[in-house]
Amino acid sequence: MKKLPEDFKKKWIDALRSGEYKQGKNHLVIFGNNNEPYYCCLGVAGKVCGLSDIDLRFQDFFTQTHVNNLPDLLFGEDNVPAMLAKMNDDDNMSFNKIADYIEKEL
């Protein structure tokens, strides 16, 4: 499996561990009752790349034409986004555990 660029990887891991982003499921970003955003781990990657919540809200998944500054690994044959989405949504892994995985494996 290819590796993420180190600068992006560090920013993404730091953001996941920062506590700044509340974890949500099944959407890159979804808004709670008080209009507070909740993010999938991939939504946090989008925020690291400078996408707004509105950009994230109207994307079911990233498309390479939409986000040119996301690493190619997130669009490659290894299906990394689906794997990370499963960890976030189905396996109920915390952002810290997902950050650990990204740090070691990607």
PDB file of N, CA and C in Angstrom:
ATOM      1  N   MET A   1       0.847  -1.179   0.000  1.00  0.00           N
ATOM      2  CA  MET A   1       0.000   0.000   0.000  1.00  0.00           C
ATOM      3  C   MET A   1       0.895   1.246   0.000  1.00  0.00           C
ATOM      4  N   LYS A   2       0.502   2.231  -0.787  1.00  0.00           N
ATOM      5  CA  LYS A   2       1.237   3.495  -0.818  1.00  0.00           C
ATOM      6  C   LYS A   2       1.100   4.200   0.524  1.00  0.00           C
ATOM      7  N   LYS A   3       1.988   5.137   0.757  1.00  0.00           N
ATOM      8  CA  LYS A   3       1.963   5.921   1.997  1.00  0.00           C
ATOM      9  C   LYS A   3       1.481   7.339   1.716  1.00  0.00           C
ATOM     10  N   LEU A   4       0.881   7.955   2.712  1.00  0.00           N
ATOM     11  CA  LEU A   4       0.467   9.353   2.607  1.00  0.00           C
ATOM     12  C   LEU A   4       1.681  10.268   2.641  1.00  0.00           C
ATOM     13  N   PRO A   5       1.585  11.439   2.008  1.00  0.00           N
ATOM     14  CA  PRO A   5       2.649  12.434   2.173  1.00  0.00           C
ATOM     15  C   PRO A   5       2.758  12.812   3.654  1.00  0.00           C
ATOM     16  N   GLU A   6       3.967  12.873   4.155  1.00  0.00           N
ATOM     17  CA  GLU A   6       4.184  13.089   5.591  1.00  0.00           C
ATOM     18  C   GLU A   6       3.557  14.382   6.109  1.00  0.00           C
ATOM     19  N   ASP A   7       3.612  15.472   5.340  1.00  0.00           N
ATOM     20  CA  ASP A   7       3.052  16.732   5.827  1.00  0.00           C
ATOM     21  C   ASP A   7       1.535  16.644   5.985  1.00  0.00           C
ATOM     22  N   PHE A   8       0.857  16.051   4.996  1.00  0.00           N
ATOM     23  CA  PHE A   8      -0.591  15.877   5.102  1.00  0.00           C
ATOM     24  C   PHE A   8      -0.938  14.924   6.236  1.00  0.00           C
ATOM     25  N   LYS A   9      -0.214  13.825   6.308  1.00  0.00           N
ATOM     26  CA  LYS A   9      -0.457  12.806   7.337  1.00  0.00           C
ATOM     27  C   LYS A   9      -0.375  13.418   8.735  1.00  0.00           C
ATOM     28  N   LYS A  10       0.659  14.219   8.983  1.00  0.00           N
ATOM     29  CA  LYS A  10       0.820  14.849  10.300  1.00  0.00           C
ATOM     30  C   LYS A  10      -0.336  15.799  10.602  1.00  0.00           C
ATOM     31  N   LYS A  11      -0.715  16.616   9.635  1.00  0.00           N
ATOM     32  CA  LYS A  11      -1.831  17.561   9.845  1.00  0.00           C
ATOM     33  C   LYS A  11      -3.130  16.808  10.131  1.00  0.00           C
ATOM     34  N   TRP A  12      -3.382  15.731   9.393  1.00  0.00           N
ATOM     35  CA  TRP A  12      -4.611  14.958   9.568  1.00  0.00           C
ATOM     36  C   TRP A  12      -4.626  14.272  10.933  1.00  0.00           C
ATOM     37  N   ILE A  13      -3.530  13.642  11.292  1.00  0.00           N
ATOM     38  CA  ILE A  13      -3.447  12.976  12.598  1.00  0.00           C
ATOM     39  C   ILE A  13      -3.612  13.990  13.728  1.00  0.00           C
ATOM     40  N   ASP A  14      -2.937  15.122  13.611  1.00  0.00           N
ATOM     41  CA  ASP A  14      -3.052  16.165  14.635  1.00  0.00           C
ATOM     42  C   ASP A  14      -4.490  16.653  14.753  1.00  0.00           C
ATOM     43  N   ALA A  15      -5.165  16.827  13.619  1.00  0.00           N
ATOM     44  CA  ALA A  15      -6.560  17.282  13.640  1.00  0.00           C
ATOM     45  C   ALA A  15      -7.468  16.233  14.287  1.00  0.00           C
ATOM     46  N   LEU A  16      -7.255  14.963  13.953  1.00  0.00           N
ATOM     47  CA  LEU A  16      -8.070  13.899  14.545  1.00  0.00           C
ATOM     48  C   LEU A  16      -7.887  13.833  16.058  1.00  0.00           C
ATOM     49  N   ARG A  17      -6.691  14.077  16.527  1.00  0.00           N
ATOM     50  CA  ARG A  17      -6.403  13.982  17.960  1.00  0.00           C
ATOM     51  C   ARG A  17      -6.658  15.284  18.713  1.00  0.00           C
ATOM     52  N   SER A  18      -6.946  16.355  18.009  1.00  0.00           N
ATOM     53  CA  SER A  18      -7.029  17.686  18.619  1.00  0.00           C
ATOM     54  C   SER A  18      -8.228  17.880  19.548  1.00  0.00           C
ATOM     55  N   GLY A  19      -9.279  17.127  19.347  1.00  0.00           N
ATOM     56  CA  GLY A  19     -10.504  17.357  20.105  1.00  0.00           C
ATOM     57  C   GLY A  19     -11.348  18.478  19.521  1.00  0.00           C
ATOM     58  N   GLU A  20     -10.869  19.095  18.457  1.00  0.00           N
ATOM     59  CA  GLU A  20     -11.595  20.194  17.815  1.00  0.00           C
ATOM     60  C   GLU A  20     -12.806  19.698  17.036  1.00  0.00           C
ATOM     61  N   TYR A  21     -12.731  18.460  16.564  1.00  0.00           N
ATOM     62  CA  TYR A  21     -13.790  17.907  15.717  1.00  0.00           C
ATOM     63  C   TYR A  21     -14.556  16.827  16.461  1.00  0.00           C
ATOM     64  N   LYS A  22     -15.879  16.974  16.510  1.00  0.00           N
ATOM     65  CA  LYS A  22     -16.723  15.944  17.105  1.00  0.00           C
ATOM     66  C   LYS A  22     -16.983  14.879  16.051  1.00  0.00           C
ATOM     67  N   GLN A  23     -16.946  13.629  16.500  1.00  0.00           N
ATOM     68  CA  GLN A  23     -17.071  12.522  15.566  1.00  0.00           C
ATOM     69  C   GLN A  23     -18.522  12.221  15.238  1.00  0.00           C
ATOM     70  N   GLY A  24     -18.798  12.091  13.946  1.00  0.00           N
ATOM     71  CA  GLY A  24     -20.108  11.693  13.451  1.00  0.00           C
ATOM     72  C   GLY A  24     -19.956  10.489  12.544  1.00  0.00           C
ATOM     73  N   LYS A  25     -21.063  10.059  11.966  1.00  0.00           N
ATOM     74  CA  LYS A  25     -21.051   8.857  11.126  1.00  0.00           C
ATOM     75  C   LYS A  25     -21.862   9.078   9.867  1.00  0.00           C
ATOM     76  N   ASN A  26     -21.495   8.305   8.858  1.00  0.00           N
ATOM     77  CA  ASN A  26     -22.256   8.169   7.614  1.00  0.00           C
ATOM     78  C   ASN A  26     -22.291   9.403   6.718  1.00  0.00           C
ATOM     79  N   HIS A  27     -21.605  10.446   7.065  1.00  0.00           N
ATOM     80  CA  HIS A  27     -21.505  11.666   6.264  1.00  0.00           C
ATOM     81  C   HIS A  27     -20.142  12.284   6.524  1.00  0.00           C
ATOM     82  N   LEU A  28     -19.618  12.998   5.543  1.00  0.00           N
ATOM     83  CA  LEU A  28     -18.369  13.718   5.788  1.00  0.00           C
ATOM     84  C   LEU A  28     -18.571  14.729   6.904  1.00  0.00           C
ATOM     85  N   VAL A  29     -19.718  15.415   6.883  1.00  0.00           N
ATOM     86  CA  VAL A  29     -20.123  16.289   7.987  1.00  0.00           C
ATOM     87  C   VAL A  29     -21.641  16.232   8.078  1.00  0.00           C
ATOM     88  N   ILE A  30     -22.137  16.257   9.286  1.00  0.00           N
ATOM     89  CA  ILE A  30     -23.572  16.312   9.537  1.00  0.00           C
ATOM     90  C   ILE A  30     -23.776  17.263  10.710  1.00  0.00           C
ATOM     91  N   PHE A  31     -24.893  17.940  10.717  1.00  0.00           N
ATOM     92  CA  PHE A  31     -25.139  18.934  11.756  1.00  0.00           C
ATOM     93  C   PHE A  31     -26.166  18.418  12.752  1.00  0.00           C
ATOM     94  N   GLY A  32     -25.833  18.587  14.034  1.00  0.00           N
ATOM     95  CA  GLY A  32     -26.713  18.154  15.105  1.00  0.00           C
ATOM     96  C   GLY A  32     -27.843  19.144  15.345  1.00  0.00           C
ATOM     97  N   ASN A  33     -28.648  18.865  16.359  1.00  0.00           N
ATOM     98  CA  ASN A  33     -29.807  19.706  16.681  1.00  0.00           C
ATOM     99  C   ASN A  33     -29.440  21.150  16.935  1.00  0.00           C
ATOM    100  N   ASN A  34     -28.283  21.389  17.508  1.00  0.00           N
ATOM    101  CA  ASN A  34     -27.862  22.765  17.808  1.00  0.00           C
ATOM    102  C   ASN A  34     -27.001  23.342  16.681  1.00  0.00           C
ATOM    103  N   ASN A  35     -27.078  22.721  15.493  1.00  0.00           N
ATOM    104  CA  ASN A  35     -26.323  23.135  14.307  1.00  0.00           C
ATOM    105  C   ASN A  35     -24.812  22.970  14.477  1.00  0.00           C
ATOM    106  N   GLU A  36     -24.412  22.115  15.403  1.00  0.00           N
ATOM    107  CA  GLU A  36     -23.004  21.832  15.631  1.00  0.00           C
ATOM    108  C   GLU A  36     -22.558  20.730  14.662  1.00  0.00           C
ATOM    109  N   PRO A  37     -21.410  20.907  13.991  1.00  0.00           N
ATOM    110  CA  PRO A  37     -20.975  19.899  13.026  1.00  0.00           C
ATOM    111  C   PRO A  37     -20.348  18.679  13.684  1.00  0.00           C
ATOM    112  N   TYR A  38     -20.603  17.528  13.087  1.00  0.00           N
ATOM    113  CA  TYR A  38     -20.002  16.254  13.463  1.00  0.00           C
ATOM    114  C   TYR A  38     -19.377  15.674  12.196  1.00  0.00           C
ATOM    115  N   TYR A  39     -18.154  15.171  12.321  1.00  0.00           N
ATOM    116  CA  TYR A  39     -17.374  14.772  11.155  1.00  0.00           C
ATOM    117  C   TYR A  39     -17.019  13.297  11.169  1.00  0.00           C
ATOM    118  N   CYS A  40     -16.991  12.709   9.977  1.00  0.00           N
ATOM    119  CA  CYS A  40     -16.339  11.427   9.751  1.00  0.00           C
ATOM    120  C   CYS A  40     -14.840  11.719   9.708  1.00  0.00           C
ATOM    121  N   CYS A  41     -14.019  10.716   9.918  1.00  0.00           N
ATOM    122  CA  CYS A  41     -12.567  10.922   9.827  1.00  0.00           C
ATOM    123  C   CYS A  41     -12.173  11.476   8.461  1.00  0.00           C
ATOM    124  N   LEU A  42     -12.902  11.111   7.402  1.00  0.00           N
ATOM    125  CA  LEU A  42     -12.615  11.637   6.070  1.00  0.00           C
ATOM    126  C   LEU A  42     -13.044  13.091   5.937  1.00  0.00           C
ATOM    127  N   GLY A  43     -14.079  13.479   6.668  1.00  0.00           N
ATOM    128  CA  GLY A  43     -14.469  14.885   6.704  1.00  0.00           C
ATOM    129  C   GLY A  43     -13.384  15.739   7.343  1.00  0.00           C
ATOM    130  N   VAL A  44     -12.728  15.195   8.356  1.00  0.00           N
ATOM    131  CA  VAL A  44     -11.610  15.901   8.993  1.00  0.00           C
ATOM    132  C   VAL A  44     -10.476  16.059   7.978  1.00  0.00           C
ATOM    133  N   ALA A  45     -10.240  15.049   7.143  1.00  0.00           N
ATOM    134  CA  ALA A  45      -9.225  15.175   6.087  1.00  0.00           C
ATOM    135  C   ALA A  45      -9.580  16.327   5.153  1.00  0.00           C
ATOM    136  N   GLY A  46     -10.846  16.442   4.831  1.00  0.00           N
ATOM    137  CA  GLY A  46     -11.299  17.549   3.984  1.00  0.00           C
ATOM    138  C   GLY A  46     -11.067  18.892   4.638  1.00  0.00           C
ATOM    139  N   LYS A  47     -11.340  18.981   5.930  1.00  0.00           N
ATOM    140  CA  LYS A  47     -11.103  20.234   6.656  1.00  0.00           C
ATOM    141  C   LYS A  47      -9.619  20.589   6.650  1.00  0.00           C
ATOM    142  N   VAL A  48      -8.761  19.588   6.820  1.00  0.00           N
ATOM    143  CA  VAL A  48      -7.316  19.813   6.784  1.00  0.00           C
ATOM    144  C   VAL A  48      -6.911  20.410   5.430  1.00  0.00           C
ATOM    145  N   CYS A  49      -7.620  20.014   4.375  1.00  0.00           N
ATOM    146  CA  CYS A  49      -7.319  20.517   3.030  1.00  0.00           C
ATOM    147  C   CYS A  49      -8.030  21.825   2.718  1.00  0.00           C
ATOM    148  N   GLY A  50      -8.736  22.365   3.685  1.00  0.00           N
ATOM    149  CA  GLY A  50      -9.348  23.675   3.496  1.00  0.00           C
ATOM    150  C   GLY A  50     -10.772  23.679   2.978  1.00  0.00           C
ATOM    151  N   LEU A  51     -11.426  22.520   2.941  1.00  0.00           N
ATOM    152  CA  LEU A  51     -12.820  22.503   2.500  1.00  0.00           C
ATOM    153  C   LEU A  51     -13.728  23.066   3.586  1.00  0.00           C
ATOM    154  N   SER A  52     -14.753  23.747   3.159  1.00  0.00           N
ATOM    155  CA  SER A  52     -15.733  24.291   4.103  1.00  0.00           C
ATOM    156  C   SER A  52     -16.728  23.200   4.479  1.00  0.00           C
ATOM    157  N   ASP A  53     -17.475  23.446   5.550  1.00  0.00           N
ATOM    158  CA  ASP A  53     -18.520  22.500   5.944  1.00  0.00           C
ATOM    159  C   ASP A  53     -19.562  22.362   4.835  1.00  0.00           C
ATOM    160  N   ILE A  54     -19.842  23.431   4.122  1.00  0.00           N
ATOM    161  CA  ILE A  54     -20.825  23.367   3.026  1.00  0.00           C
ATOM    162  C   ILE A  54     -20.299  22.475   1.915  1.00  0.00           C
ATOM    163  N   ASP A  55     -19.002  22.614   1.569  1.00  0.00           N
ATOM    164  CA  ASP A  55     -18.417  21.732   0.562  1.00  0.00           C
ATOM    165  C   ASP A  55     -18.547  20.274   0.994  1.00  0.00           C
ATOM    166  N   LEU A  56     -18.249  20.000   2.251  1.00  0.00           N
ATOM    167  CA  LEU A  56     -18.306  18.628   2.757  1.00  0.00           C
ATOM    168  C   LEU A  56     -19.733  18.112   2.836  1.00  0.00           C
ATOM    169  N   ARG A  57     -20.656  18.965   3.193  1.00  0.00           N
ATOM    170  CA  ARG A  57     -22.041  18.551   3.394  1.00  0.00           C
ATOM    171  C   ARG A  57     -22.676  18.022   2.119  1.00  0.00           C
ATOM    172  N   PHE A  58     -22.277  18.578   0.995  1.00  0.00           N
ATOM    173  CA  PHE A  58     -22.914  18.188  -0.260  1.00  0.00           C
ATOM    174  C   PHE A  58     -22.112  17.167  -1.052  1.00  0.00           C
ATOM    175  N   GLN A  59     -21.171  16.511  -0.382  1.00  0.00           N
ATOM    176  CA  GLN A  59     -20.404  15.431  -1.004  1.00  0.00           C
ATOM    177  C   GLN A  59     -20.722  14.132  -0.276  1.00  0.00           C
ATOM    178  N   ASP A  60     -21.114  13.118  -1.023  1.00  0.00           N
ATOM    179  CA  ASP A  60     -21.266  11.801  -0.409  1.00  0.00           C
ATOM    180  C   ASP A  60     -19.897  11.206  -0.156  1.00  0.00           C
ATOM    181  N   PHE A  61     -18.985  11.503  -1.066  1.00  0.00           N
ATOM    182  CA  PHE A  61     -17.614  11.031  -0.950  1.00  0.00           C
ATOM    183  C   PHE A  61     -16.766  11.983  -1.746  1.00  0.00           C
ATOM    184  N   PHE A  62     -15.484  11.990  -1.530  1.00  0.00           N
ATOM    185  CA  PHE A  62     -14.607  12.870  -2.272  1.00  0.00           C
ATOM    186  C   PHE A  62     -14.528  12.433  -3.724  1.00  0.00           C
ATOM    187  N   THR A  63     -14.467  13.396  -4.602  1.00  0.00           N
ATOM    188  CA  THR A  63     -14.137  13.123  -5.993  1.00  0.00           C
ATOM    189  C   THR A  63     -12.842  13.860  -6.283  1.00  0.00           C
ATOM    190  N   GLN A  64     -11.987  13.268  -7.050  1.00  0.00           N
ATOM    191  CA  GLN A  64     -10.674  13.863  -7.272  1.00  0.00           C
ATOM    192  C   GLN A  64     -10.779  15.203  -7.974  1.00  0.00           C
ATOM    193  N   THR A  65     -11.768  15.387  -8.815  1.00  0.00           N
ATOM    194  CA  THR A  65     -11.911  16.675  -9.480  1.00  0.00           C
ATOM    195  C   THR A  65     -12.344  17.751  -8.503  1.00  0.00           C
ATOM    196  N   HIS A  66     -12.991  17.361  -7.427  1.00  0.00           N
ATOM    197  CA  HIS A  66     -13.467  18.326  -6.438  1.00  0.00           C
ATOM    198  C   HIS A  66     -12.371  18.738  -5.473  1.00  0.00           C
ATOM    199  N   VAL A  67     -11.514  17.829  -5.142  1.00  0.00           N
ATOM    200  CA  VAL A  67     -10.504  18.093  -4.115  1.00  0.00           C
ATOM    201  C   VAL A  67      -9.123  17.734  -4.660  1.00  0.00           C
ATOM    202  N   ASN A  68      -8.505  18.652  -5.346  1.00  0.00           N
ATOM    203  CA  ASN A  68      -7.215  18.361  -5.955  1.00  0.00           C
ATOM    204  C   ASN A  68      -6.088  18.277  -4.945  1.00  0.00           C
ATOM    205  N   ASN A  69      -6.268  18.811  -3.747  1.00  0.00           N
ATOM    206  CA  ASN A  69      -5.158  18.818  -2.795  1.00  0.00           C
ATOM    207  C   ASN A  69      -5.216  17.673  -1.795  1.00  0.00           C
ATOM    208  N   LEU A  70      -6.131  16.738  -1.948  1.00  0.00           N
ATOM    209  CA  LEU A  70      -6.090  15.523  -1.132  1.00  0.00           C
ATOM    210  C   LEU A  70      -5.099  14.552  -1.768  1.00  0.00           C
ATOM    211  N   PRO A  71      -4.354  13.825  -0.962  1.00  0.00           N
ATOM    212  CA  PRO A  71      -3.378  12.885  -1.513  1.00  0.00           C
ATOM    213  C   PRO A  71      -4.024  11.846  -2.419  1.00  0.00           C
ATOM    214  N   ASP A  72      -3.289  11.464  -3.465  1.00  0.00           N
ATOM    215  CA  ASP A  72      -3.776  10.459  -4.408  1.00  0.00           C
ATOM    216  C   ASP A  72      -4.160   9.158  -3.720  1.00  0.00           C
ATOM    217  N   LEU A  73      -3.519   8.847  -2.600  1.00  0.00           N
ATOM    218  CA  LEU A  73      -3.821   7.616  -1.877  1.00  0.00           C
ATOM    219  C   LEU A  73      -5.305   7.524  -1.527  1.00  0.00           C
ATOM    220  N   LEU A  74      -5.946   8.654  -1.299  1.00  0.00           N
ATOM    221  CA  LEU A  74      -7.356   8.625  -0.933  1.00  0.00           C
ATOM    222  C   LEU A  74      -8.260   8.374  -2.132  1.00  0.00           C
ATOM    223  N   PHE A  75      -7.651   8.211  -3.312  1.00  0.00           N
ATOM    224  CA  PHE A  75      -8.430   7.910  -4.512  1.00  0.00           C
ATOM    225  C   PHE A  75      -7.933   6.662  -5.223  1.00  0.00           C
ATOM    226  N   GLY A  76      -6.949   6.005  -4.674  1.00  0.00           N
ATOM    227  CA  GLY A  76      -6.278   4.908  -5.360  1.00  0.00           C
ATOM    228  C   GLY A  76      -7.027   3.594  -5.318  1.00  0.00           C
ATOM    229  N   GLU A  77      -6.364   2.594  -5.814  1.00  0.00           N
ATOM    230  CA  GLU A  77      -6.947   1.259  -5.941  1.00  0.00           C
ATOM    231  C   GLU A  77      -7.081   0.536  -4.609  1.00  0.00           C
ATOM    232  N   ASP A  78      -6.393   0.990  -3.595  1.00  0.00           N
ATOM    233  CA  ASP A  78      -6.416   0.293  -2.307  1.00  0.00           C
ATOM    234  C   ASP A  78      -7.713   0.504  -1.539  1.00  0.00           C
ATOM    235  N   ASN A  79      -8.579   1.390  -2.019  1.00  0.00           N
ATOM    236  CA  ASN A  79      -9.870   1.673  -1.398  1.00  0.00           C
ATOM    237  C   ASN A  79      -9.719   2.121   0.054  1.00  0.00           C
ATOM    238  N   VAL A  80      -8.724   2.957   0.288  1.00  0.00           N
ATOM    239  CA  VAL A  80      -8.463   3.481   1.626  1.00  0.00           C
ATOM    240  C   VAL A  80      -9.668   4.223   2.199  1.00  0.00           C
ATOM    241  N   PRO A  81     -10.372   5.077   1.427  1.00  0.00           N
ATOM    242  CA  PRO A  81     -11.519   5.775   2.015  1.00  0.00           C
ATOM    243  C   PRO A  81     -12.591   4.833   2.546  1.00  0.00           C
ATOM    244  N   ALA A  82     -12.889   3.774   1.800  1.00  0.00           N
ATOM    245  CA  ALA A  82     -13.916   2.831   2.261  1.00  0.00           C
ATOM    246  C   ALA A  82     -13.480   2.148   3.546  1.00  0.00           C
ATOM    247  N   MET A  83     -12.201   1.797   3.626  1.00  0.00           N
ATOM    248  CA  MET A  83     -11.681   1.154   4.829  1.00  0.00           C
ATOM    249  C   MET A  83     -11.778   2.095   6.036  1.00  0.00           C
ATOM    250  N   LEU A  84     -11.385   3.354   5.839  1.00  0.00           N
ATOM    251  CA  LEU A  84     -11.442   4.317   6.943  1.00  0.00           C
ATOM    252  C   LEU A  84     -12.882   4.645   7.320  1.00  0.00           C
ATOM    253  N   ALA A  85     -13.759   4.743   6.331  1.00  0.00           N
ATOM    254  CA  ALA A  85     -15.176   4.990   6.623  1.00  0.00           C
ATOM    255  C   ALA A  85     -15.760   3.842   7.432  1.00  0.00           C
ATOM    256  N   LYS A  86     -15.388   2.618   7.102  1.00  0.00           N
ATOM    257  CA  LYS A  86     -15.860   1.454   7.870  1.00  0.00           C
ATOM    258  C   LYS A  86     -15.375   1.529   9.313  1.00  0.00           C
ATOM    259  N   MET A  87     -14.100   1.883   9.500  1.00  0.00           N
ATOM    260  CA  MET A  87     -13.570   2.024  10.860  1.00  0.00           C
ATOM    261  C   MET A  87     -14.374   3.064  11.641  1.00  0.00           C
ATOM    262  N   ASN A  88     -14.666   4.178  10.981  1.00  0.00           N
ATOM    263  CA  ASN A  88     -15.379   5.277  11.632  1.00  0.00           C
ATOM    264  C   ASN A  88     -16.848   4.922  11.881  1.00  0.00           C
ATOM    265  N   ASP A  89     -17.519   4.427  10.842  1.00  0.00           N
ATOM    266  CA  ASP A  89     -18.968   4.266  10.892  1.00  0.00           C
ATOM    267  C   ASP A  89     -19.430   2.926  11.457  1.00  0.00           C
ATOM    268  N   ASP A  90     -18.822   1.848  11.002  1.00  0.00           N
ATOM    269  CA  ASP A  90     -19.295   0.511  11.375  1.00  0.00           C
ATOM    270  C   ASP A  90     -18.579  -0.062  12.592  1.00  0.00           C
ATOM    271  N   ASP A  91     -17.276   0.197  12.667  1.00  0.00           N
ATOM    272  CA  ASP A  91     -16.482  -0.377  13.756  1.00  0.00           C
ATOM    273  C   ASP A  91     -16.440   0.517  14.992  1.00  0.00           C
ATOM    274  N   ASN A  92     -17.031   1.714  14.883  1.00  0.00           N
ATOM    275  CA  ASN A  92     -17.095   2.665  16.007  1.00  0.00           C
ATOM    276  C   ASN A  92     -15.729   2.975  16.612  1.00  0.00           C
ATOM    277  N   MET A  93     -14.707   3.043  15.756  1.00  0.00           N
ATOM    278  CA  MET A  93     -13.379   3.396  16.254  1.00  0.00           C
ATOM    279  C   MET A  93     -13.323   4.897  16.516  1.00  0.00           C
ATOM    280  N   SER A  94     -12.686   5.275  17.586  1.00  0.00           N
ATOM    281  CA  SER A  94     -12.540   6.690  17.922  1.00  0.00           C
ATOM    282  C   SER A  94     -11.560   7.347  16.954  1.00  0.00           C
ATOM    283  N   PHE A  95     -11.611   8.678  16.900  1.00  0.00           N
ATOM    284  CA  PHE A  95     -10.638   9.404  16.084  1.00  0.00           C
ATOM    285  C   PHE A  95      -9.215   9.070  16.515  1.00  0.00           C
ATOM    286  N   ASN A  96      -8.987   8.902  17.816  1.00  0.00           N
ATOM    287  CA  ASN A  96      -7.638   8.570  18.284  1.00  0.00           C
ATOM    288  C   ASN A  96      -7.170   7.222  17.737  1.00  0.00           C
ATOM    289  N   LYS A  97      -8.047   6.230  17.726  1.00  0.00           N
ATOM    290  CA  LYS A  97      -7.683   4.903  17.200  1.00  0.00           C
ATOM    291  C   LYS A  97      -7.459   4.962  15.687  1.00  0.00           C
ATOM    292  N   ILE A  98      -8.289   5.735  14.998  1.00  0.00           N
ATOM    293  CA  ILE A  98      -8.108   5.892  13.555  1.00  0.00           C
ATOM    294  C   ILE A  98      -6.792   6.618  13.272  1.00  0.00           C
ATOM    295  N   ALA A  99      -6.485   7.633  14.067  1.00  0.00           N
ATOM    296  CA  ALA A  99      -5.209   8.348  13.919  1.00  0.00           C
ATOM    297  C   ALA A  99      -4.035   7.393  14.132  1.00  0.00           C
ATOM    298  N   ASP A 100      -4.150   6.500  15.119  1.00  0.00           N
ATOM    299  CA  ASP A 100      -3.099   5.502  15.353  1.00  0.00           C
ATOM    300  C   ASP A 100      -2.899   4.636  14.111  1.00  0.00           C
ATOM    301  N   TYR A 101      -4.009   4.202  13.497  1.00  0.00           N
ATOM    302  CA  TYR A 101      -3.925   3.375  12.304  1.00  0.00           C
ATOM    303  C   TYR A 101      -3.253   4.141  11.161  1.00  0.00           C
ATOM    304  N   ILE A 102      -3.710   5.367  10.922  1.00  0.00           N
ATOM    305  CA  ILE A 102      -3.130   6.190   9.862  1.00  0.00           C
ATOM    306  C   ILE A 102      -1.640   6.374  10.090  1.00  0.00           C
ATOM    307  N   GLU A 103      -1.261   6.646  11.327  1.00  0.00           N
ATOM    308  CA  GLU A 103       0.138   6.873  11.670  1.00  0.00           C
ATOM    309  C   GLU A 103       0.998   5.646  11.354  1.00  0.00           C
ATOM    310  N   LYS A 104       0.483   4.463  11.662  1.00  0.00           N
ATOM    311  CA  LYS A 104       1.271   3.245  11.498  1.00  0.00           C
ATOM    312  C   LYS A 104       1.207   2.667  10.093  1.00  0.00           C
ATOM    313  N   GLU A 105       0.053   2.758   9.448  1.00  0.00           N
ATOM    314  CA  GLU A 105      -0.170   2.024   8.207  1.00  0.00           C
ATOM    315  C   GLU A 105      -0.168   2.868   6.940  1.00  0.00           C
ATOM    316  N   LEU A 106      -0.474   4.145   7.044  1.00  0.00           N
ATOM    317  CA  LEU A 106      -0.586   4.958   5.839  1.00  0.00           C
ATOM    318  C   LEU A 106       0.534   5.968   5.758  1.00  0.00           C
TER     319      LEU A 106
END
